[in-house]
Amino acid sequence: MPTADLVPSLGKAPAGFRNWLAASHAVVKREIVRQEFSLYSDAQFVFEELAVGPYSFMNTMAGGGRDPRAGVLSRALVLRVDHHLEAGEMLLDPVKPATQTTAFHGGWIDEELAALLSLSLGVRCRSGGMTRYWRTGGDVLGRPAEFTHRPPYAPAPEFDHAPVIPGVARRVDLRHARELLLAYPRVPDQVAGRLVRAARLYQAALWGAEGDPSLAWLQLVSALEAALPKTDPSRANPMESLVENWSELAEILDRAPLDVRDDAARLLADQVKIQHRLRRLLEKFPPSAPAQRPEVGRIDWSNIADLTVKVYRHRSNALHAGVPMPAPMCNAPMHYNEIAFENGGSSGHGAGDSTWKGSDIPMLLHTFVHIVGDVLRQWWAAEASDLEAAG
């Protein structure tokens, strides 16, 4: 049976996902195309090789290497890909082309797998492109290839001792990614593209945070949005939804004439629905608190949903009104006993000619990275489990 009858068609799911299913359903071993890609990171990986499905992550520094340091990259891993899809299952039909973006995430198989590894382990990891290719059964050593290889650049912290996201450049065991990666081909076809888009946004946020933390905030909120349920089960009228999801604004509108209040609530309905879905996502997949927390500069972990919604509103203001994310939210954290503050740790903040109340600075970037990563990893595992239960 051709693989086209066993895996989603072109454009319905990412290429790496479809290739994994094709490998799982392969009946007869045949000659296959194999590629290797260089993956870059400022983390130090432990364990020699992680093999999952038709993919292998090979550690180039399994015997040691330098101590990890934020923004200092190495060619840390080689990703080996065995291709099980036929050419016709990977290329657009030139006779009857059609727009199909369900699986689109802006990259190819190497970027897909690098982003999933980045999300699995909470580290910076990005592909620099292909460095070797061959056909099994032919040249056993393959052919070097540099025509698509571009070593990526990652901005270093403004001050080496004070990264915006501390703890990302660290020693990490490759084996800790196995369970989630093995769950990837078990998620529903229609979810695979959303998962990879969320992973790519998370990956991009970590990668560029030291150079542009304001952009990282936007990317992390978008990563959460990729995981939002498509429908909002709430049947509350617009004003009731506003009271539940945006109580500060509801209190202001409650002083307005009834017709003005209801009209304003209706105009805000779409934004409020997104906030409602965001709260439901955090309720379904509550992020765990970090293992180490500071004695001062803590956020109220029981109030994560409200704090995350405040982040969402700052992001909306940045996108739709051009107001940058608050400067204090983009600073490197202060530390207490070598543990980073989770928020700004003050009742008020100033930067340039602007000021913010402490309550308007819900958390710092590294705290939100922890929240988003934990929620997305839970969502990933749950989608795989739900499909298994349904099957």
Protein backbone atom coordinates (compact mmCIF):
# COMPACT_ATOMS: atom_id res chain seq x y z
CA MET A 1 0.00 0.00 0.00
CA PRO A 2 1.49 3.41 -0.92
CA THR A 3 2.36 5.68 1.96
CA ALA A 4 -0.08 8.26 0.55
CA ASP A 5 -2.91 6.00 1.78
CA LEU A 6 -1.44 5.83 5.29
CA VAL A 7 -0.33 9.37 6.08
CA PRO A 8 -1.96 12.81 5.74
CA SER A 9 -1.74 14.30 2.26
CA LEU A 10 0.67 17.09 1.35
CA GLY A 11 -0.09 20.25 3.29
CA LYS A 12 -2.38 18.58 5.84
CA ALA A 13 0.40 17.95 8.40
CA PRO A 14 4.09 18.94 8.63
CA ALA A 15 6.56 16.98 6.51
CA GLY A 16 8.42 15.55 9.51
CA PHE A 17 5.17 14.27 11.00
CA ARG A 18 4.10 12.65 7.71
CA ASN A 19 7.56 11.16 7.20
CA TRP A 20 7.42 9.60 10.69
CA LEU A 21 4.06 7.97 9.91
CA ALA A 22 5.41 6.76 6.57
CA ALA A 23 8.38 5.17 8.35
CA SER A 24 6.04 3.53 10.87
CA HIS A 25 3.97 1.98 8.08
CA ALA A 26 6.87 0.91 5.88
CA VAL A 27 6.41 -2.78 5.06
CA VAL A 28 9.40 -3.45 2.82
CA LYS A 29 12.80 -1.93 3.53
CA ARG A 30 13.87 0.01 0.46
CA GLU A 31 16.62 2.38 -0.50
CA ILE A 32 15.99 5.70 1.16
CA VAL A 33 17.42 9.20 1.03
CA ARG A 34 19.26 10.24 4.19
CA GLN A 35 20.24 13.76 5.20
CA GLU A 36 22.17 15.26 8.10
CA PHE A 37 21.60 18.74 9.49
CA SER A 38 23.70 20.70 11.99
CA LEU A 39 21.82 21.89 15.08
CA TYR A 40 23.22 24.78 17.10
CA SER A 41 22.71 25.54 20.77
CA ASP A 42 24.27 27.28 23.75
CA ALA A 43 23.21 24.33 25.93
CA GLN A 44 25.50 21.39 26.65
CA PHE A 45 23.78 18.09 25.85
CA VAL A 46 24.41 14.93 27.82
CA PHE A 47 24.01 11.42 26.30
CA GLU A 48 25.50 10.32 23.01
CA GLU A 49 22.50 9.80 20.73
CA LEU A 50 18.70 10.00 20.86
CA ALA A 51 16.98 7.95 18.15
CA VAL A 52 13.22 8.39 17.64
CA GLY A 53 11.40 7.05 14.59
CA PRO A 54 13.28 7.97 11.41
CA TYR A 55 15.31 10.64 13.25
CA SER A 56 18.52 10.60 15.29
CA PHE A 57 19.92 13.46 17.35
CA MET A 58 23.67 12.79 17.62
CA ASN A 59 25.68 14.63 20.24
CA THR A 60 28.86 16.18 18.83
CA MET A 61 30.22 16.86 22.33
CA ALA A 62 29.18 13.75 24.21
CA GLY A 63 32.70 13.39 25.59
CA GLY A 64 32.78 16.81 27.22
CA GLY A 65 33.06 20.32 25.83
CA ARG A 66 32.88 23.82 27.21
CA ASP A 67 30.68 24.99 30.04
CA PRO A 68 27.38 26.35 28.66
CA ARG A 69 27.18 30.12 28.38
CA ALA A 70 24.24 32.20 27.13
CA GLY A 71 24.67 33.23 23.49
CA VAL A 72 27.87 31.21 22.92
CA LEU A 73 26.85 28.69 20.27
CA SER A 74 28.32 25.37 19.23
CA ARG A 75 27.36 22.85 16.58
CA ALA A 76 26.03 20.76 19.40
CA LEU A 77 23.96 18.12 17.58
CA VAL A 78 23.66 16.48 14.21
CA LEU A 79 20.13 15.55 13.15
CA ARG A 80 20.00 12.54 10.83
CA VAL A 81 16.80 12.19 8.80
CA ASP A 82 15.76 9.05 6.91
CA HIS A 83 13.21 10.00 4.25
CA HIS A 84 10.34 7.55 3.75
CA LEU A 85 8.04 9.76 1.68
CA GLU A 86 8.11 9.53 -2.08
CA ALA A 87 8.97 12.66 -4.06
CA GLY A 88 5.35 13.06 -5.14
CA GLU A 89 4.25 13.12 -1.51
CA MET A 90 6.57 16.03 -0.71
CA LEU A 91 6.26 18.36 -3.70
CA LEU A 92 3.41 20.61 -4.88
CA ASP A 93 1.60 19.45 -8.01
CA PRO A 94 2.83 21.86 -10.73
CA VAL A 95 -0.25 21.19 -12.89
CA LYS A 96 -2.92 21.89 -10.28
CA PRO A 97 -1.30 23.98 -7.54
CA ALA A 98 -3.46 24.90 -4.57
CA THR A 99 -2.98 27.00 -1.46
CA GLN A 100 -2.81 24.74 1.60
CA THR A 101 -1.33 26.12 4.82
CA THR A 102 -2.72 23.83 7.53
CA ALA A 103 0.78 22.45 8.14
CA PHE A 104 2.78 25.58 7.37
CA HIS A 105 5.29 26.61 10.03
CA GLY A 106 7.86 28.47 7.97
CA GLY A 107 10.53 25.77 7.69
CA TRP A 108 11.46 22.24 6.66
CA ILE A 109 11.92 18.95 8.54
CA ASP A 110 15.12 20.05 10.26
CA GLU A 111 13.51 23.23 11.64
CA GLU A 112 10.45 21.18 12.65
CA LEU A 113 12.49 18.68 14.70
CA ALA A 114 14.83 21.32 16.13
CA ALA A 115 11.85 23.34 17.40
CA LEU A 116 10.22 20.26 18.95
CA LEU A 117 13.49 19.42 20.71
CA SER A 118 13.78 23.04 21.90
CA LEU A 119 10.28 22.90 23.41
CA SER A 120 10.79 19.42 24.86
CA LEU A 121 13.89 20.44 26.82
CA GLY A 122 13.37 24.19 27.26
CA VAL A 123 16.67 25.09 25.57
CA ARG A 124 17.85 27.06 22.57
CA CYS A 125 18.20 24.78 19.55
CA ARG A 126 18.10 25.78 15.90
CA SER A 127 19.11 24.19 12.60
CA GLY A 128 21.82 25.67 10.44
CA GLY A 129 20.84 23.53 7.45
CA MET A 130 22.00 20.38 5.66
CA THR A 131 25.64 19.29 5.84
CA ARG A 132 25.52 15.75 4.32
CA TYR A 133 23.25 13.62 2.14
CA TRP A 134 23.24 10.19 0.52
CA ARG A 135 21.16 7.19 -0.50
CA THR A 136 21.34 4.08 1.63
CA GLY A 137 22.77 1.21 -0.39
CA GLY A 138 25.00 3.61 -2.33
CA ASP A 139 27.84 5.70 -0.94
CA VAL A 140 27.91 4.58 2.68
CA LEU A 141 29.70 7.76 3.77
CA GLY A 142 27.48 10.21 1.89
CA ARG A 143 28.46 13.52 0.35
CA PRO A 144 29.28 16.71 2.25
CA ALA A 145 26.92 19.59 1.45
CA GLU A 146 27.24 23.22 2.48
CA PHE A 147 25.03 24.97 -0.09
CA THR A 148 22.11 25.37 2.36
CA HIS A 149 24.13 25.49 5.57
CA ARG A 150 24.09 28.84 7.41
CA PRO A 151 25.36 28.90 11.01
CA PRO A 152 22.73 30.88 12.93
CA TYR A 153 23.48 33.86 15.13
CA ALA A 154 22.13 34.20 18.67
CA PRO A 155 22.47 37.51 20.52
CA ALA A 156 24.44 37.32 23.75
CA PRO A 157 23.21 38.99 26.95
CA GLU A 158 23.91 42.71 27.21
CA PHE A 159 25.81 41.87 30.40
CA ASP A 160 27.32 38.38 30.48
CA HIS A 161 26.44 37.93 34.13
CA ALA A 162 22.80 39.00 33.70
CA PRO A 163 20.87 37.23 30.91
CA VAL A 164 17.20 38.14 30.44
CA ILE A 165 16.36 34.41 30.57
CA PRO A 166 18.75 32.84 33.08
CA GLY A 167 19.19 29.08 33.11
CA VAL A 168 18.50 28.36 29.42
CA ALA A 169 22.18 27.77 28.61
CA ARG A 170 22.74 24.71 30.81
CA ARG A 171 23.61 21.02 30.82
CA VAL A 172 20.63 18.93 29.73
CA ASP A 173 20.08 15.22 29.10
CA LEU A 174 18.87 14.36 25.59
CA ARG A 175 16.93 11.40 26.98
CA HIS A 176 14.56 13.77 28.76
CA ALA A 177 13.08 14.64 25.34
CA ARG A 178 12.32 11.05 24.36
CA GLU A 179 8.82 10.72 25.81
CA LEU A 180 7.44 13.90 24.23
CA LEU A 181 9.14 13.30 20.88
CA LEU A 182 7.72 9.78 20.72
CA ALA A 183 4.29 11.28 21.38
CA TYR A 184 4.57 13.56 18.33
CA PRO A 185 3.36 11.09 15.65
CA ARG A 186 0.46 10.18 17.95
CA VAL A 187 -1.17 13.63 17.99
CA PRO A 188 -4.12 14.16 15.60
CA ASP A 189 -3.17 15.16 12.06
CA GLN A 190 -4.97 18.49 12.37
CA VAL A 191 -3.12 19.31 15.60
CA ALA A 192 0.40 18.55 14.33
CA GLY A 193 0.72 21.81 12.40
CA ARG A 194 -0.48 23.88 15.37
CA LEU A 195 1.96 22.09 17.66
CA VAL A 196 4.93 22.78 15.40
CA ARG A 197 3.91 26.44 14.98
CA ALA A 198 3.73 26.77 18.76
CA ALA A 199 7.12 25.09 19.11
CA ARG A 200 8.67 27.34 16.45
CA LEU A 201 7.34 30.46 18.20
CA TYR A 202 8.67 29.22 21.56
CA GLN A 203 12.00 28.39 19.91
CA ALA A 204 12.21 31.84 18.29
CA ALA A 205 11.39 33.57 21.57
CA LEU A 206 14.19 31.79 23.42
CA TRP A 207 16.62 32.28 20.55
CA GLY A 208 16.27 36.05 20.22
CA ALA A 209 15.27 37.05 23.75
CA GLU A 210 18.63 38.52 24.74
CA GLY A 211 18.62 40.81 21.70
CA ASP A 212 14.92 41.71 21.54
CA PRO A 213 13.00 40.66 24.67
CA SER A 214 9.95 42.70 23.64
CA LEU A 215 9.57 40.57 20.50
CA ALA A 216 10.04 37.41 22.59
CA TRP A 217 6.99 38.37 24.67
CA LEU A 218 4.89 38.64 21.50
CA GLN A 219 6.12 35.29 20.21
CA LEU A 220 5.40 33.52 23.48
CA VAL A 221 1.82 34.81 23.64
CA SER A 222 1.34 33.70 20.02
CA ALA A 223 2.70 30.26 20.97
CA LEU A 224 -0.03 29.97 23.61
CA GLU A 225 -2.64 31.11 21.08
CA ALA A 226 -1.63 28.24 18.79
CA ALA A 227 -2.71 25.86 21.55
CA LEU A 228 -6.06 27.54 22.28
CA PRO A 229 -9.18 25.46 21.71
CA LYS A 230 -10.85 26.50 18.47
CA THR A 231 -14.23 27.09 20.06
CA ASP A 232 -15.31 28.95 23.18
CA PRO A 233 -17.86 26.92 25.17
CA SER A 234 -18.96 30.00 27.12
CA ARG A 235 -22.54 31.10 26.41
CA ALA A 236 -22.47 34.13 28.66
CA ASN A 237 -23.68 37.40 27.19
CA PRO A 238 -20.95 39.98 26.36
CA MET A 239 -21.24 41.87 29.63
CA GLU A 240 -21.17 38.69 31.72
CA SER A 241 -18.05 37.56 29.85
CA LEU A 242 -16.47 40.96 30.48
CA VAL A 243 -17.17 40.71 34.22
CA GLU A 244 -15.54 37.25 34.32
CA ASN A 245 -12.54 37.94 32.12
CA TRP A 246 -11.86 41.67 32.38
CA SER A 247 -13.25 42.77 35.72
CA GLU A 248 -11.34 46.11 35.81
CA LEU A 249 -12.93 47.28 32.57
CA ALA A 250 -16.32 45.89 33.58
CA GLU A 251 -16.24 48.02 36.73
CA ILE A 252 -15.58 51.15 34.65
CA LEU A 253 -18.32 50.34 32.13
CA ASP A 254 -20.75 49.59 34.92
CA ARG A 255 -20.79 53.33 35.69
CA ALA A 256 -21.78 54.15 32.09
CA PRO A 257 -25.37 54.31 30.76
CA LEU A 258 -26.82 50.86 30.12
CA ASP A 259 -26.85 51.18 26.31
CA VAL A 260 -23.25 52.47 26.22
CA ARG A 261 -22.11 49.66 28.52
CA ASP A 262 -23.74 46.91 26.45
CA ASP A 263 -22.52 48.37 23.14
CA ALA A 264 -18.96 48.55 24.44
CA ALA A 265 -19.16 44.99 25.75
CA ARG A 266 -20.33 43.76 22.33
CA LEU A 267 -17.45 45.55 20.57
CA LEU A 268 -14.98 43.89 22.95
CA ALA A 269 -16.58 40.45 22.66
CA ASP A 270 -13.99 38.87 20.35
CA GLN A 271 -11.04 39.96 22.48
CA VAL A 272 -12.82 38.85 25.65
CA LYS A 273 -13.52 35.43 24.10
CA ILE A 274 -9.82 34.95 23.43
CA GLN A 275 -9.06 35.84 27.04
CA HIS A 276 -11.70 33.36 28.14
CA ARG A 277 -10.14 30.60 26.02
CA LEU A 278 -6.73 31.51 27.40
CA ARG A 279 -8.03 31.07 30.96
CA ARG A 280 -9.55 27.71 30.04
CA LEU A 281 -6.23 26.58 28.57
CA LEU A 282 -4.41 27.50 31.79
CA GLU A 283 -7.09 25.76 33.86
CA LYS A 284 -6.79 22.57 31.80
CA PHE A 285 -2.98 22.62 31.82
CA PRO A 286 -1.97 24.51 34.97
CA PRO A 287 1.75 25.34 34.87
CA SER A 288 3.75 24.02 37.77
CA ALA A 289 5.75 26.41 39.91
CA PRO A 290 9.53 26.39 39.36
CA ALA A 291 11.52 24.01 41.53
CA GLN A 292 13.44 26.94 43.00
CA ARG A 293 11.64 30.17 43.86
CA PRO A 294 13.00 33.37 45.40
CA GLU A 295 11.97 34.45 48.88
CA VAL A 296 11.28 37.93 47.49
CA GLY A 297 10.09 38.97 44.04
CA ARG A 298 7.60 36.10 43.84
CA ILE A 299 4.39 36.12 41.86
CA ASP A 300 1.16 34.67 43.26
CA TRP A 301 1.19 31.27 41.54
CA SER A 302 -2.47 30.71 42.39
CA ASN A 303 -3.26 33.77 40.25
CA ILE A 304 -1.44 32.65 37.09
CA ALA A 305 -4.50 33.04 34.85
CA ASP A 306 -5.06 36.71 35.76
CA LEU A 307 -1.36 37.50 35.43
CA THR A 308 -1.17 35.81 32.03
CA VAL A 309 -4.22 37.73 30.81
CA LYS A 310 -2.42 40.97 31.81
CA VAL A 311 0.51 39.84 29.66
CA TYR A 312 -1.94 39.19 26.82
CA ARG A 313 -3.35 42.73 27.10
CA HIS A 314 0.15 44.22 26.97
CA ARG A 315 0.79 42.11 23.86
CA SER A 316 -2.46 43.33 22.25
CA ASN A 317 -1.50 46.91 23.00
CA ALA A 318 1.89 46.32 21.38
CA LEU A 319 0.39 44.78 18.25
CA HIS A 320 -2.61 47.03 17.73
CA ALA A 321 -1.53 50.36 19.22
CA GLY A 322 2.21 50.20 18.67
CA VAL A 323 2.98 50.57 22.40
CA PRO A 324 6.04 48.43 23.22
CA MET A 325 5.95 45.87 25.99
CA PRO A 326 6.71 47.62 29.31
CA ALA A 327 10.44 48.12 29.70
CA PRO A 328 10.61 46.58 33.21
CA MET A 329 9.22 43.32 31.78
CA CYS A 330 12.15 43.18 29.35
CA ASN A 331 14.93 43.64 31.90
CA ALA A 332 17.22 40.96 33.27
CA PRO A 333 15.87 39.81 36.65
CA MET A 334 17.34 40.74 39.99
CA HIS A 335 18.43 37.80 42.13
CA TYR A 336 18.02 36.87 45.78
CA ASN A 337 20.35 34.13 47.05
CA GLU A 338 21.21 33.42 43.39
CA ILE A 339 17.55 32.77 42.49
CA ALA A 340 15.97 35.09 39.91
CA PHE A 341 13.02 37.29 40.85
CA GLU A 342 9.78 36.22 39.15
CA ASN A 343 8.48 39.80 38.92
CA GLY A 344 9.92 43.29 39.11
CA GLY A 345 10.01 43.20 42.89
CA SER A 346 8.81 46.79 43.33
CA SER A 347 5.63 48.81 43.75
CA GLY A 348 6.67 51.08 40.89
CA HIS A 349 9.05 51.18 37.94
CA GLY A 350 10.52 53.77 35.64
CA ALA A 351 12.38 53.72 32.34
CA GLY A 352 13.24 56.77 30.24
CA ASP A 353 10.31 59.15 30.49
CA SER A 354 7.75 56.47 31.44
CA THR A 355 6.53 54.88 34.66
CA TRP A 356 4.51 51.78 35.55
CA LYS A 357 2.74 50.64 38.69
CA GLY A 358 4.07 47.40 40.11
CA SER A 359 0.68 45.76 39.48
CA ASP A 360 1.07 46.54 35.75
CA ILE A 361 4.25 44.43 35.61
CA PRO A 362 2.72 40.98 36.12
CA MET A 363 5.94 38.96 35.68
CA LEU A 364 9.35 38.88 34.03
CA LEU A 365 10.22 37.16 30.77
CA HIS A 366 11.97 34.11 32.19
CA THR A 367 8.87 33.41 34.34
CA PHE A 368 6.63 33.54 31.28
CA VAL A 369 9.02 31.24 29.39
CA HIS A 370 8.55 28.70 32.18
CA ILE A 371 4.75 29.07 32.09
CA VAL A 372 4.41 28.83 28.31
CA GLY A 373 6.80 25.88 28.04
CA ASP A 374 5.01 23.92 30.76
CA VAL A 375 1.55 24.56 29.28
CA LEU A 376 2.63 23.62 25.74
CA ARG A 377 4.34 20.42 26.87
CA GLN A 378 1.22 19.35 28.79
CA TRP A 379 -0.95 20.15 25.77
CA TRP A 380 1.35 18.14 23.50
CA ALA A 381 1.20 15.07 25.77
CA ALA A 382 -2.57 15.39 26.23
CA GLU A 383 -3.27 15.54 22.49
CA ALA A 384 -1.32 12.31 22.00
CA SER A 385 -3.10 10.63 24.92
CA ASP A 386 -6.54 11.75 23.72
CA LEU A 387 -5.93 10.26 20.27
CA GLU A 388 -4.78 6.96 21.78
CA ALA A 389 -7.86 6.84 23.99
CA ALA A 390 -10.13 7.56 21.02
CA GLY A 391 -8.44 4.84 18.98
